[in-house]
N, C-alpha and C. Protein backbone atom coordinates (compact mmCIF):
# COMPACT_ATOMS: atom_id res chain seq x y z
N UNK A 1 -160.11 131.39 20.94
CA UNK A 1 -159.80 130.13 20.26
C UNK A 1 -159.84 130.37 18.75
N UNK A 2 -158.81 129.92 18.10
CA UNK A 2 -158.77 130.08 16.66
C UNK A 2 -159.60 128.98 15.99
N UNK A 3 -159.93 129.21 14.75
CA UNK A 3 -160.69 128.22 14.00
C UNK A 3 -159.90 126.92 13.87
N UNK A 4 -158.58 127.05 13.70
CA UNK A 4 -157.72 125.87 13.59
C UNK A 4 -157.78 125.04 14.87
N UNK A 5 -157.72 125.69 16.02
CA UNK A 5 -157.80 124.97 17.30
C UNK A 5 -159.18 124.33 17.46
N UNK A 6 -160.22 125.01 17.01
CA UNK A 6 -161.57 124.45 17.08
C UNK A 6 -161.66 123.18 16.25
N UNK A 7 -161.13 123.22 15.02
CA UNK A 7 -161.16 122.04 14.16
C UNK A 7 -160.34 120.90 14.73
N UNK A 8 -159.19 121.21 15.32
CA UNK A 8 -158.37 120.17 15.94
C UNK A 8 -159.13 119.49 17.08
N UNK A 9 -159.79 120.28 17.91
CA UNK A 9 -160.55 119.72 19.02
C UNK A 9 -161.71 118.87 18.54
N UNK A 10 -162.39 119.33 17.50
CA UNK A 10 -163.52 118.59 16.95
C UNK A 10 -163.03 117.26 16.37
N UNK A 11 -161.92 117.28 15.65
CA UNK A 11 -161.37 116.07 15.07
C UNK A 11 -160.90 115.11 16.16
N UNK A 12 -160.28 115.63 17.19
CA UNK A 12 -159.81 114.80 18.31
C UNK A 12 -160.99 114.11 18.99
N UNK A 13 -162.09 114.83 19.21
CA UNK A 13 -163.28 114.23 19.84
C UNK A 13 -163.88 113.15 18.94
N UNK A 14 -163.91 113.41 17.64
CA UNK A 14 -164.49 112.43 16.71
C UNK A 14 -163.64 111.16 16.67
N UNK A 15 -162.32 111.31 16.64
CA UNK A 15 -161.44 110.14 16.63
C UNK A 15 -161.59 109.34 17.92
N UNK A 16 -161.68 110.04 19.05
CA UNK A 16 -161.87 109.36 20.33
C UNK A 16 -163.18 108.58 20.34
N UNK A 17 -164.23 109.17 19.79
CA UNK A 17 -165.53 108.50 19.74
C UNK A 17 -165.46 107.23 18.88
N UNK A 18 -164.79 107.32 17.74
CA UNK A 18 -164.67 106.16 16.85
C UNK A 18 -163.85 105.07 17.50
N UNK A 19 -162.74 105.43 18.14
CA UNK A 19 -161.88 104.44 18.79
C UNK A 19 -162.62 103.74 19.93
N UNK A 20 -163.38 104.49 20.71
CA UNK A 20 -164.14 103.90 21.81
C UNK A 20 -165.23 102.99 21.26
N UNK A 21 -165.79 103.36 20.15
CA UNK A 21 -166.85 102.56 19.52
C UNK A 21 -166.30 101.20 19.10
N UNK A 22 -165.14 101.19 18.47
CA UNK A 22 -164.56 99.93 18.01
C UNK A 22 -163.97 99.11 19.15
N UNK A 23 -163.70 99.72 20.29
CA UNK A 23 -163.17 98.98 21.43
C UNK A 23 -164.25 98.13 22.10
N UNK A 24 -165.53 98.49 21.91
CA UNK A 24 -166.64 97.76 22.52
C UNK A 24 -167.10 96.67 21.56
N UNK A 25 -166.91 95.38 21.90
CA UNK A 25 -167.27 94.31 20.96
C UNK A 25 -168.77 94.17 20.74
N UNK A 26 -169.58 94.63 21.67
CA UNK A 26 -171.03 94.49 21.54
C UNK A 26 -171.68 95.70 20.88
N UNK A 27 -170.87 96.62 20.43
CA UNK A 27 -171.39 97.87 19.87
C UNK A 27 -171.80 97.69 18.42
N UNK A 28 -172.83 98.43 18.02
CA UNK A 28 -173.22 98.47 16.60
C UNK A 28 -172.61 99.72 15.98
N UNK A 29 -171.29 99.86 16.13
CA UNK A 29 -170.64 101.12 15.78
C UNK A 29 -170.68 101.43 14.29
N UNK A 30 -170.65 100.41 13.44
CA UNK A 30 -170.71 100.71 12.02
C UNK A 30 -172.02 101.42 11.68
N UNK A 31 -173.11 100.95 12.25
CA UNK A 31 -174.40 101.59 12.01
C UNK A 31 -174.44 103.00 12.58
N UNK A 32 -173.91 103.19 13.78
CA UNK A 32 -173.89 104.52 14.39
C UNK A 32 -173.05 105.48 13.56
N UNK A 33 -171.89 105.04 13.11
CA UNK A 33 -171.01 105.90 12.32
C UNK A 33 -171.63 106.23 10.96
N UNK A 34 -172.33 105.26 10.37
CA UNK A 34 -173.00 105.51 9.11
C UNK A 34 -174.10 106.55 9.28
N UNK A 35 -174.87 106.44 10.35
CA UNK A 35 -175.94 107.41 10.60
C UNK A 35 -175.35 108.81 10.81
N UNK A 36 -174.23 108.90 11.53
CA UNK A 36 -173.59 110.21 11.74
C UNK A 36 -173.08 110.78 10.42
N UNK A 37 -172.49 109.93 9.60
CA UNK A 37 -171.96 110.41 8.31
C UNK A 37 -173.09 110.90 7.42
N UNK A 38 -174.21 110.17 7.41
CA UNK A 38 -175.33 110.58 6.58
C UNK A 38 -175.96 111.87 7.10
N UNK A 39 -175.91 112.08 8.40
CA UNK A 39 -176.46 113.31 8.96
C UNK A 39 -175.64 114.53 8.53
N UNK A 40 -174.33 114.34 8.32
CA UNK A 40 -173.48 115.46 7.92
C UNK A 40 -173.49 115.70 6.42
N UNK A 41 -173.82 114.68 5.63
CA UNK A 41 -173.75 114.84 4.18
C UNK A 41 -175.03 115.47 3.65
N UNK A 42 -174.94 116.16 2.53
CA UNK A 42 -176.15 116.76 1.96
C UNK A 42 -177.13 115.67 1.51
N UNK A 43 -178.39 115.93 1.68
CA UNK A 43 -179.43 114.93 1.35
C UNK A 43 -179.58 114.76 -0.16
N UNK A 44 -179.48 115.83 -0.89
CA UNK A 44 -179.65 115.76 -2.33
C UNK A 44 -178.85 116.88 -2.98
N UNK A 45 -178.63 116.72 -4.25
CA UNK A 45 -177.91 117.76 -4.99
C UNK A 45 -178.79 119.00 -5.09
N UNK A 46 -178.20 120.17 -5.00
CA UNK A 46 -179.00 121.38 -5.17
C UNK A 46 -179.57 121.44 -6.59
N UNK A 47 -180.79 121.86 -6.67
CA UNK A 47 -181.44 121.92 -7.98
C UNK A 47 -181.02 123.20 -8.69
N UNK A 48 -180.66 123.03 -9.94
CA UNK A 48 -180.31 124.20 -10.74
C UNK A 48 -181.57 124.78 -11.34
N UNK A 49 -181.67 126.09 -11.41
CA UNK A 49 -182.89 126.69 -11.97
C UNK A 49 -182.99 126.38 -13.47
N UNK A 50 -184.20 126.20 -13.89
CA UNK A 50 -184.44 125.92 -15.30
C UNK A 50 -184.21 127.18 -16.13
N UNK A 51 -183.58 127.01 -17.27
CA UNK A 51 -183.33 128.15 -18.15
C UNK A 51 -184.42 128.31 -19.20
N UNK A 52 -185.41 127.45 -19.16
CA UNK A 52 -186.49 127.51 -20.14
C UNK A 52 -187.39 128.72 -19.86
N UNK A 53 -187.74 129.44 -20.91
CA UNK A 53 -188.62 130.59 -20.78
C UNK A 53 -190.02 130.16 -21.20
N UNK A 54 -191.00 130.50 -20.38
CA UNK A 54 -192.38 130.10 -20.69
C UNK A 54 -193.12 131.21 -21.38
């Protein structure tokens, strides 16, 4: 399996999950999708090393 095929499959599964989420009227899908998005995003900016010499 190529990386391109892997990404296509991953995207297809994610789109299917989102569509199924919005199809259910009793679902709290916005909250679920927000939690998933926050799990994938970096928590904080990487800290740059200080250039100060002690």
